[in-house]
Amino acid sequence: MNNNLYLRAVVFEKDKPFRDKLISLLRKHNFSTLHVEDCETAFRHIVMLRPTVFFCGVNTENFTCLDVAFFIKNIIKARDCKIISSCEDKKLIGRESNDASDIDYFVHKNNFSELDTIIDQCGLSRLQEA
């Protein structure tokens, strides 16, 4: 079995320098990666690909990171997809009806050591399930 086909990541991040480092880090851990520009495209690819990791670093006018996480875990039912968010303030990123429980990890954009550890854990747990 080719494990690289099993480790997939969808990245929704507009900060290009950070996104490039993040994608490089994901590839270091043998993830195939896909960068998306908007929530609708992200949802479509999550339904089709069932990625191991979804990275959301963007709050838009229509969707917050919490909205996206809720949709992935409860509507698409991709509960095994680990959601990582770099949105700065947990209290401000969601609407009142949502809480942060659907987001698996909150990270600081400049903490690549923490991000490296989280990505490694996500990859190892998925491979152990196989």
N, C-alpha and C. Protein backbone atom coordinates (compact mmCIF):
# COMPACT_ATOMS: atom_id res chain seq x y z
N MET A 1 0.84 -1.18 0.00
CA MET A 1 0.00 0.00 0.00
C MET A 1 0.88 1.24 0.00
N ASN A 2 0.53 2.20 -0.80
CA ASN A 2 1.27 3.45 -0.85
C ASN A 2 0.69 4.40 0.19
N ASN A 3 1.43 4.61 1.28
CA ASN A 3 0.93 5.46 2.37
C ASN A 3 0.75 6.91 1.94
N ASN A 4 1.51 7.36 0.94
CA ASN A 4 1.38 8.74 0.50
C ASN A 4 -0.01 9.03 -0.04
N LEU A 5 -0.67 8.04 -0.60
CA LEU A 5 -2.02 8.24 -1.11
C LEU A 5 -3.02 8.35 0.03
N TYR A 6 -2.66 7.85 1.18
CA TYR A 6 -3.56 7.84 2.31
C TYR A 6 -3.47 9.11 3.15
N LEU A 7 -2.33 9.81 3.11
CA LEU A 7 -2.14 11.02 3.89
C LEU A 7 -2.39 12.24 3.01
N ARG A 8 -3.54 12.85 3.21
CA ARG A 8 -3.92 14.00 2.39
C ARG A 8 -4.18 15.20 3.29
N ALA A 9 -3.86 16.37 2.76
CA ALA A 9 -4.12 17.61 3.50
C ALA A 9 -4.71 18.64 2.56
N VAL A 10 -5.73 19.34 3.05
CA VAL A 10 -6.30 20.47 2.33
C VAL A 10 -5.96 21.72 3.15
N VAL A 11 -5.41 22.73 2.47
CA VAL A 11 -4.93 23.94 3.14
C VAL A 11 -5.72 25.14 2.65
N PHE A 12 -6.34 25.85 3.59
CA PHE A 12 -7.06 27.09 3.29
C PHE A 12 -6.35 28.20 4.06
N GLU A 13 -5.39 28.82 3.42
CA GLU A 13 -4.56 29.83 4.05
C GLU A 13 -4.15 30.85 3.01
N LYS A 14 -4.38 32.13 3.29
CA LYS A 14 -4.09 33.20 2.32
C LYS A 14 -2.70 33.81 2.48
N ASP A 15 -2.09 33.66 3.63
CA ASP A 15 -0.75 34.19 3.89
C ASP A 15 0.27 33.32 3.15
N LYS A 16 0.70 33.78 1.95
CA LYS A 16 1.52 32.95 1.07
C LYS A 16 2.84 32.47 1.70
N PRO A 17 3.64 33.32 2.33
CA PRO A 17 4.88 32.80 2.93
C PRO A 17 4.61 31.71 3.98
N PHE A 18 3.62 31.93 4.83
CA PHE A 18 3.28 30.91 5.82
C PHE A 18 2.73 29.65 5.14
N ARG A 19 1.85 29.83 4.16
CA ARG A 19 1.26 28.69 3.45
C ARG A 19 2.34 27.84 2.80
N ASP A 20 3.32 28.48 2.17
CA ASP A 20 4.40 27.73 1.52
C ASP A 20 5.20 26.91 2.53
N LYS A 21 5.47 27.50 3.70
CA LYS A 21 6.19 26.76 4.76
C LYS A 21 5.33 25.61 5.28
N LEU A 22 4.04 25.86 5.45
CA LEU A 22 3.13 24.83 5.94
C LEU A 22 3.06 23.66 4.95
N ILE A 23 2.91 23.96 3.67
CA ILE A 23 2.84 22.91 2.66
C ILE A 23 4.15 22.12 2.62
N SER A 24 5.26 22.81 2.74
CA SER A 24 6.56 22.13 2.79
C SER A 24 6.64 21.20 3.99
N LEU A 25 6.14 21.65 5.12
CA LEU A 25 6.13 20.84 6.34
C LEU A 25 5.23 19.61 6.17
N LEU A 26 4.07 19.81 5.59
CA LEU A 26 3.16 18.68 5.34
C LEU A 26 3.81 17.66 4.40
N ARG A 27 4.46 18.13 3.37
CA ARG A 27 5.12 17.22 2.42
C ARG A 27 6.28 16.48 3.08
N LYS A 28 6.96 17.13 4.01
CA LYS A 28 8.03 16.47 4.76
C LYS A 28 7.49 15.24 5.49
N HIS A 29 6.24 15.32 5.90
CA HIS A 29 5.59 14.21 6.61
C HIS A 29 4.79 13.32 5.65
N ASN A 30 5.10 13.39 4.38
CA ASN A 30 4.50 12.53 3.34
C ASN A 30 3.02 12.77 3.08
N PHE A 31 2.55 13.98 3.30
CA PHE A 31 1.18 14.33 2.95
C PHE A 31 1.13 14.84 1.52
N SER A 32 0.14 14.40 0.77
CA SER A 32 -0.14 15.09 -0.49
C SER A 32 -0.99 16.29 -0.11
N THR A 33 -0.75 17.43 -0.73
CA THR A 33 -1.41 18.66 -0.30
C THR A 33 -2.18 19.31 -1.44
N LEU A 34 -3.22 20.01 -1.05
CA LEU A 34 -4.03 20.78 -1.99
C LEU A 34 -4.34 22.11 -1.33
N HIS A 35 -4.03 23.20 -2.00
CA HIS A 35 -4.34 24.53 -1.49
C HIS A 35 -5.64 25.00 -2.13
N VAL A 36 -6.56 25.51 -1.33
CA VAL A 36 -7.83 26.03 -1.85
C VAL A 36 -7.93 27.51 -1.51
N GLU A 37 -8.71 28.23 -2.33
CA GLU A 37 -8.84 29.68 -2.20
C GLU A 37 -10.12 30.13 -1.49
N ASP A 38 -11.11 29.22 -1.35
CA ASP A 38 -12.37 29.62 -0.73
C ASP A 38 -13.01 28.43 -0.03
N CYS A 39 -13.98 28.73 0.82
CA CYS A 39 -14.64 27.69 1.62
C CYS A 39 -15.38 26.68 0.77
N GLU A 40 -16.08 27.14 -0.25
CA GLU A 40 -16.87 26.23 -1.07
C GLU A 40 -15.98 25.18 -1.73
N THR A 41 -14.82 25.62 -2.24
CA THR A 41 -13.87 24.68 -2.84
C THR A 41 -13.32 23.74 -1.77
N ALA A 42 -13.05 24.26 -0.60
CA ALA A 42 -12.56 23.43 0.50
C ALA A 42 -13.57 22.34 0.82
N PHE A 43 -14.84 22.70 0.96
CA PHE A 43 -15.87 21.71 1.28
C PHE A 43 -15.94 20.63 0.21
N ARG A 44 -15.91 21.04 -1.04
CA ARG A 44 -16.01 20.09 -2.15
C ARG A 44 -14.84 19.08 -2.10
N HIS A 45 -13.64 19.57 -1.86
CA HIS A 45 -12.48 18.68 -1.82
C HIS A 45 -12.48 17.80 -0.57
N ILE A 46 -13.02 18.29 0.52
CA ILE A 46 -13.09 17.47 1.73
C ILE A 46 -14.06 16.32 1.51
N VAL A 47 -15.17 16.57 0.83
CA VAL A 47 -16.12 15.51 0.51
C VAL A 47 -15.46 14.48 -0.40
N MET A 48 -14.75 14.94 -1.42
CA MET A 48 -14.16 14.03 -2.41
C MET A 48 -12.93 13.30 -1.87
N LEU A 49 -12.05 13.99 -1.18
CA LEU A 49 -10.75 13.43 -0.81
C LEU A 49 -10.71 12.79 0.57
N ARG A 50 -11.60 13.19 1.46
CA ARG A 50 -11.56 12.73 2.85
C ARG A 50 -10.14 12.87 3.41
N PRO A 51 -9.64 14.11 3.49
CA PRO A 51 -8.25 14.29 3.91
C PRO A 51 -8.02 13.94 5.37
N THR A 52 -6.77 13.67 5.69
CA THR A 52 -6.36 13.42 7.07
C THR A 52 -6.37 14.72 7.85
N VAL A 53 -5.95 15.80 7.19
CA VAL A 53 -5.81 17.11 7.84
C VAL A 53 -6.46 18.19 6.99
N PHE A 54 -7.18 19.09 7.66
CA PHE A 54 -7.65 20.31 7.01
C PHE A 54 -7.09 21.46 7.82
N PHE A 55 -6.33 22.33 7.17
CA PHE A 55 -5.76 23.49 7.84
C PHE A 55 -6.55 24.71 7.45
N CYS A 56 -7.12 25.40 8.44
CA CYS A 56 -7.90 26.61 8.18
C CYS A 56 -7.27 27.78 8.92
N GLY A 57 -6.77 28.73 8.15
CA GLY A 57 -6.18 29.91 8.75
C GLY A 57 -6.88 31.18 8.34
N VAL A 58 -8.11 31.04 7.85
CA VAL A 58 -8.80 32.20 7.28
C VAL A 58 -10.21 32.31 7.85
N ASN A 59 -10.55 33.50 8.31
CA ASN A 59 -11.94 33.85 8.59
C ASN A 59 -12.39 34.73 7.43
N THR A 60 -13.50 34.37 6.81
CA THR A 60 -14.01 35.17 5.70
C THR A 60 -15.26 35.92 6.15
N GLU A 61 -15.82 36.69 5.26
CA GLU A 61 -17.04 37.43 5.57
C GLU A 61 -18.21 36.48 5.84
N ASN A 62 -18.24 35.36 5.12
CA ASN A 62 -19.36 34.43 5.23
C ASN A 62 -19.11 33.26 6.17
N PHE A 63 -17.87 32.87 6.35
CA PHE A 63 -17.54 31.70 7.16
C PHE A 63 -16.40 32.02 8.11
N THR A 64 -16.50 31.52 9.33
CA THR A 64 -15.37 31.58 10.26
C THR A 64 -14.74 30.19 10.31
N CYS A 65 -13.59 30.10 10.94
CA CYS A 65 -12.96 28.79 11.12
C CYS A 65 -13.89 27.83 11.85
N LEU A 66 -14.65 28.34 12.80
CA LEU A 66 -15.58 27.47 13.54
C LEU A 66 -16.71 26.99 12.66
N ASP A 67 -17.21 27.85 11.78
CA ASP A 67 -18.26 27.42 10.85
C ASP A 67 -17.75 26.29 9.97
N VAL A 68 -16.54 26.47 9.45
CA VAL A 68 -15.95 25.46 8.58
C VAL A 68 -15.77 24.15 9.34
N ALA A 69 -15.22 24.22 10.55
CA ALA A 69 -15.01 23.01 11.35
C ALA A 69 -16.33 22.32 11.66
N PHE A 70 -17.35 23.07 12.04
CA PHE A 70 -18.66 22.49 12.32
C PHE A 70 -19.20 21.78 11.08
N PHE A 71 -19.10 22.41 9.93
CA PHE A 71 -19.59 21.83 8.69
C PHE A 71 -18.86 20.52 8.38
N ILE A 72 -17.55 20.51 8.53
CA ILE A 72 -16.76 19.31 8.23
C ILE A 72 -17.12 18.17 9.16
N LYS A 73 -17.18 18.42 10.44
CA LYS A 73 -17.40 17.35 11.42
C LYS A 73 -18.85 16.89 11.50
N ASN A 74 -19.81 17.80 11.30
CA ASN A 74 -21.21 17.47 11.57
C ASN A 74 -22.09 17.36 10.34
N ILE A 75 -21.78 18.04 9.28
CA ILE A 75 -22.59 17.98 8.06
C ILE A 75 -21.98 16.98 7.08
N ILE A 76 -20.70 17.15 6.79
CA ILE A 76 -20.01 16.21 5.89
C ILE A 76 -19.76 14.89 6.62
N LYS A 77 -19.72 14.92 7.94
CA LYS A 77 -19.46 13.75 8.79
C LYS A 77 -18.05 13.22 8.61
N ALA A 78 -17.10 14.11 8.35
CA ALA A 78 -15.69 13.72 8.23
C ALA A 78 -15.04 13.89 9.60
N ARG A 79 -15.52 13.12 10.56
CA ARG A 79 -15.06 13.28 11.94
C ARG A 79 -13.62 12.84 12.15
N ASP A 80 -13.10 12.01 11.24
CA ASP A 80 -11.71 11.57 11.37
C ASP A 80 -10.73 12.58 10.78
N CYS A 81 -11.22 13.61 10.12
CA CYS A 81 -10.37 14.67 9.57
C CYS A 81 -9.94 15.58 10.72
N LYS A 82 -8.64 15.70 10.93
CA LYS A 82 -8.12 16.57 11.98
C LYS A 82 -8.09 18.01 11.47
N ILE A 83 -8.71 18.89 12.21
CA ILE A 83 -8.78 20.29 11.81
C ILE A 83 -7.80 21.10 12.65
N ILE A 84 -6.92 21.80 11.93
CA ILE A 84 -5.92 22.65 12.57
C ILE A 84 -6.25 24.09 12.17
N SER A 85 -6.27 24.98 13.14
CA SER A 85 -6.59 26.38 12.86
C SER A 85 -5.50 27.29 13.43
N SER A 86 -5.19 28.31 12.66
CA SER A 86 -4.25 29.32 13.15
C SER A 86 -4.96 30.63 13.44
N CYS A 87 -6.29 30.61 13.47
CA CYS A 87 -7.03 31.83 13.78
C CYS A 87 -6.67 32.28 15.18
N GLU A 88 -6.37 33.54 15.32
CA GLU A 88 -5.71 34.07 16.50
C GLU A 88 -6.52 33.98 17.80
N ASP A 89 -7.76 34.36 17.79
CA ASP A 89 -8.51 34.46 19.03
C ASP A 89 -9.70 33.50 19.00
N LYS A 90 -9.61 32.43 19.79
CA LYS A 90 -10.67 31.42 19.82
C LYS A 90 -12.03 32.03 20.14
N LYS A 91 -12.07 33.05 20.99
CA LYS A 91 -13.34 33.63 21.41
C LYS A 91 -14.01 34.42 20.30
N LEU A 92 -13.24 34.93 19.36
CA LEU A 92 -13.80 35.79 18.33
C LEU A 92 -14.02 35.10 17.00
N ILE A 93 -13.55 33.86 16.84
CA ILE A 93 -13.57 33.28 15.50
C ILE A 93 -14.89 32.64 15.13
N GLY A 94 -15.80 32.43 16.07
CA GLY A 94 -17.03 31.75 15.73
C GLY A 94 -18.26 32.55 16.08
N ARG A 95 -19.35 32.10 15.53
CA ARG A 95 -20.62 32.71 15.90
C ARG A 95 -21.04 32.18 17.26
N GLU A 96 -21.98 32.83 17.88
CA GLU A 96 -22.36 32.47 19.24
C GLU A 96 -22.84 31.04 19.38
N SER A 97 -23.45 30.48 18.34
CA SER A 97 -24.00 29.14 18.44
C SER A 97 -22.93 28.06 18.35
N ASN A 98 -21.75 28.42 17.93
CA ASN A 98 -20.67 27.44 17.79
C ASN A 98 -19.68 27.58 18.93
N ASP A 99 -18.99 26.49 19.22
CA ASP A 99 -17.86 26.58 20.13
C ASP A 99 -16.65 25.98 19.41
N ALA A 100 -15.55 25.93 20.09
CA ALA A 100 -14.31 25.51 19.44
C ALA A 100 -14.09 24.00 19.47
N SER A 101 -15.07 23.22 19.91
CA SER A 101 -14.85 21.79 20.08
C SER A 101 -14.63 21.02 18.78
N ASP A 102 -15.05 21.56 17.65
CA ASP A 102 -14.84 20.86 16.38
C ASP A 102 -13.44 21.06 15.83
N ILE A 103 -12.70 22.01 16.36
CA ILE A 103 -11.32 22.24 15.92
C ILE A 103 -10.41 21.43 16.83
N ASP A 104 -9.59 20.58 16.21
CA ASP A 104 -8.74 19.67 16.98
C ASP A 104 -7.51 20.37 17.56
N TYR A 105 -6.93 21.29 16.80
CA TYR A 105 -5.70 21.96 17.25
C TYR A 105 -5.73 23.43 16.88
N PHE A 106 -5.38 24.29 17.84
CA PHE A 106 -5.12 25.70 17.56
C PHE A 106 -3.61 25.89 17.63
N VAL A 107 -3.04 26.55 16.62
CA VAL A 107 -1.60 26.77 16.60
C VAL A 107 -1.30 28.24 16.31
N HIS A 108 -0.14 28.67 16.73
CA HIS A 108 0.35 30.00 16.37
C HIS A 108 1.12 29.86 15.07
N LYS A 109 0.91 30.79 14.16
CA LYS A 109 1.53 30.70 12.83
C LYS A 109 3.04 30.59 12.88
N ASN A 110 3.68 31.21 13.83
CA ASN A 110 5.14 31.20 13.86
C ASN A 110 5.72 30.04 14.65
N ASN A 111 4.88 29.17 15.20
CA ASN A 111 5.38 28.05 16.00
C ASN A 111 5.45 26.79 15.14
N PHE A 112 6.48 26.71 14.30
CA PHE A 112 6.60 25.57 13.40
C PHE A 112 6.98 24.29 14.12
N SER A 113 7.59 24.40 15.28
CA SER A 113 7.91 23.21 16.06
C SER A 113 6.62 22.53 16.52
N GLU A 114 5.69 23.33 17.04
CA GLU A 114 4.39 22.80 17.47
C GLU A 114 3.62 22.23 16.28
N LEU A 115 3.63 22.94 15.17
CA LEU A 115 2.95 22.49 13.97
C LEU A 115 3.54 21.19 13.45
N ASP A 116 4.85 21.08 13.48
CA ASP A 116 5.55 19.86 13.06
C ASP A 116 5.09 18.67 13.90
N THR A 117 5.02 18.85 15.21
CA THR A 117 4.59 17.78 16.12
C THR A 117 3.15 17.38 15.85
N ILE A 118 2.27 18.34 15.66
CA ILE A 118 0.86 18.05 15.39
C ILE A 118 0.69 17.30 14.08
N ILE A 119 1.36 17.75 13.04
CA ILE A 119 1.26 17.09 11.73
C ILE A 119 1.78 15.66 11.83
N ASP A 120 2.88 15.47 12.54
CA ASP A 120 3.42 14.13 12.74
C ASP A 120 2.41 13.24 13.45
N GLN A 121 1.78 13.74 14.51
CA GLN A 121 0.77 12.97 15.25
C GLN A 121 -0.42 12.61 14.36
N CYS A 122 -0.88 13.55 13.55
CA CYS A 122 -2.01 13.30 12.65
C CYS A 122 -1.67 12.20 11.65
N GLY A 123 -0.47 12.26 11.09
CA GLY A 123 -0.04 11.26 10.13
C GLY A 123 0.10 9.89 10.76
N LEU A 124 0.73 9.82 11.93
CA LEU A 124 0.92 8.53 12.60
C LEU A 124 -0.40 7.90 12.99
N SER A 125 -1.33 8.69 13.50
CA SER A 125 -2.62 8.12 13.92
C SER A 125 -3.39 7.59 12.71
N ARG A 126 -3.32 8.27 11.57
CA ARG A 126 -4.01 7.78 10.37
C ARG A 126 -3.38 6.48 9.87
N LEU A 127 -2.06 6.40 9.87
CA LEU A 127 -1.40 5.20 9.39
C LEU A 127 -1.65 4.01 10.32
N GLN A 128 -1.80 4.26 11.62
CA GLN A 128 -2.10 3.19 12.56
C GLN A 128 -3.50 2.64 12.34
N GLU A 129 -4.42 3.47 11.84
CA GLU A 129 -5.78 3.02 11.56
C GLU A 129 -5.83 2.10 10.35
N ALA A 130 -4.86 2.24 9.45
CA ALA A 130 -4.88 1.49 8.18
C ALA A 130 -4.63 0.01 8.38
